[in-house]
Amino acid sequence: MMADQKTVLRLLRTARGQVDGIIKMVEEDRYCIDISQQLMATEAMLNRTNKEVLAAHLKHCVQEAETPEERSQKVDEFITTLGRILK
């Protein structure tokens, strides 16, 4: 992985903390809208993490591909992944 590991781990640990908080909210039978807002915040954090990983993929893996065929394969992988995100 070419993304900054410290940044990705920080974001993932934050998301994990948010999920733990959501679990506690559910266990405590908290208000639905409050739970939903926390779920959206967690999704946003995971999306931000994915953006970091994919940006690094473009900047490093795709740009530094040794052959045009390898570059094409990496671009195709990126497009497939982007399609999954945007579905």
Protein backbone atom coordinates (compact mmCIF):
# COMPACT_ATOMS: atom_id res chain seq x y z
CA MET A 1 0.00 0.00 0.00
CA MET A 2 1.38 3.36 -1.01
CA ALA A 3 -0.87 5.59 1.10
CA ASP A 4 0.59 7.15 4.22
CA GLN A 5 0.20 4.35 6.74
CA LYS A 6 -0.02 6.66 9.75
CA THR A 7 -2.83 8.66 8.17
CA VAL A 8 -4.79 5.57 7.12
CA LEU A 9 -4.39 3.94 10.52
CA ARG A 10 -5.46 7.12 12.32
CA LEU A 11 -8.59 7.36 10.17
CA LEU A 12 -9.41 3.68 10.63
CA ARG A 13 -8.92 3.85 14.38
CA THR A 14 -11.21 6.86 14.52
CA ALA A 15 -13.84 4.96 12.53
CA ARG A 16 -13.44 1.97 14.85
CA GLY A 17 -14.01 4.25 17.83
CA GLN A 18 -17.11 5.63 16.16
CA VAL A 19 -18.44 2.10 15.56
CA ASP A 20 -17.80 1.21 19.20
CA GLY A 21 -19.74 4.32 20.18
CA ILE A 22 -22.61 3.38 17.89
CA ILE A 23 -22.76 -0.10 19.39
CA LYS A 24 -22.98 1.45 22.84
CA MET A 25 -25.73 3.80 21.63
CA VAL A 26 -27.74 0.82 20.33
CA GLU A 27 -27.21 -1.10 23.56
CA GLU A 28 -28.42 1.95 25.50
CA ASP A 29 -31.49 2.22 23.24
CA ARG A 30 -30.61 5.77 22.19
CA TYR A 31 -32.66 7.93 19.83
CA CYS A 32 -32.74 6.63 16.23
CA ILE A 33 -31.75 9.91 14.62
CA ASP A 34 -28.71 10.24 16.89
CA ILE A 35 -27.62 6.73 15.90
CA SER A 36 -28.18 7.50 12.22
CA GLN A 37 -26.08 10.67 12.46
CA GLN A 38 -23.22 8.70 13.99
CA LEU A 39 -23.54 6.07 11.25
CA MET A 40 -23.26 8.79 8.61
CA ALA A 41 -20.19 10.25 10.34
CA THR A 42 -18.58 6.81 10.35
CA GLU A 43 -19.37 6.29 6.67
CA ALA A 44 -17.79 9.67 5.91
CA MET A 45 -14.65 8.68 7.81
CA LEU A 46 -14.37 5.40 5.90
CA ASN A 47 -14.94 7.21 2.60
CA ARG A 48 -12.17 9.65 3.49
CA THR A 49 -9.89 6.70 4.28
CA ASN A 50 -10.71 5.08 0.95
CA LYS A 51 -9.98 8.37 -0.83
CA GLU A 52 -6.51 8.41 0.75
CA VAL A 53 -5.81 4.85 -0.38
CA LEU A 54 -7.10 5.39 -3.92
CA ALA A 55 -5.30 8.71 -4.34
CA ALA A 56 -2.04 7.03 -3.37
CA HIS A 57 -2.79 4.24 -5.84
CA LEU A 58 -3.13 6.77 -8.65
CA LYS A 59 -0.10 8.79 -7.61
CA HIS A 60 2.20 5.84 -7.11
CA CYS A 61 1.02 2.50 -8.44
CA VAL A 62 -0.46 3.79 -11.69
CA GLN A 63 2.11 6.52 -12.38
CA GLU A 64 5.05 4.28 -11.61
CA ALA A 65 3.87 1.26 -13.60
CA GLU A 66 6.82 0.01 -15.61
CA THR A 67 5.05 -0.87 -18.84
CA PRO A 68 2.04 0.55 -20.69
CA GLU A 69 0.29 -2.81 -20.21
CA GLU A 70 0.83 -2.70 -16.46
CA ARG A 71 -0.38 0.91 -16.34
CA SER A 72 -3.48 -0.04 -18.32
CA GLN A 73 -4.20 -2.93 -15.95
CA LYS A 74 -3.90 -0.64 -12.92
CA VAL A 75 -6.18 1.97 -14.50
CA ASP A 76 -8.73 -0.76 -15.24
CA GLU A 77 -8.57 -1.90 -11.60
CA PHE A 78 -9.12 1.68 -10.47
CA ILE A 79 -12.11 2.10 -12.79
CA THR A 80 -13.63 -1.15 -11.50
CA THR A 81 -13.16 0.01 -7.92
CA LEU A 82 -14.62 3.42 -8.71
CA GLY A 83 -17.64 1.69 -10.26
CA ARG A 84 -18.21 -0.19 -7.01
CA ILE A 85 -18.02 3.02 -5.02
CA LEU A 86 -20.42 4.91 -7.27
CA LYS A 87 -23.07 2.20 -7.59
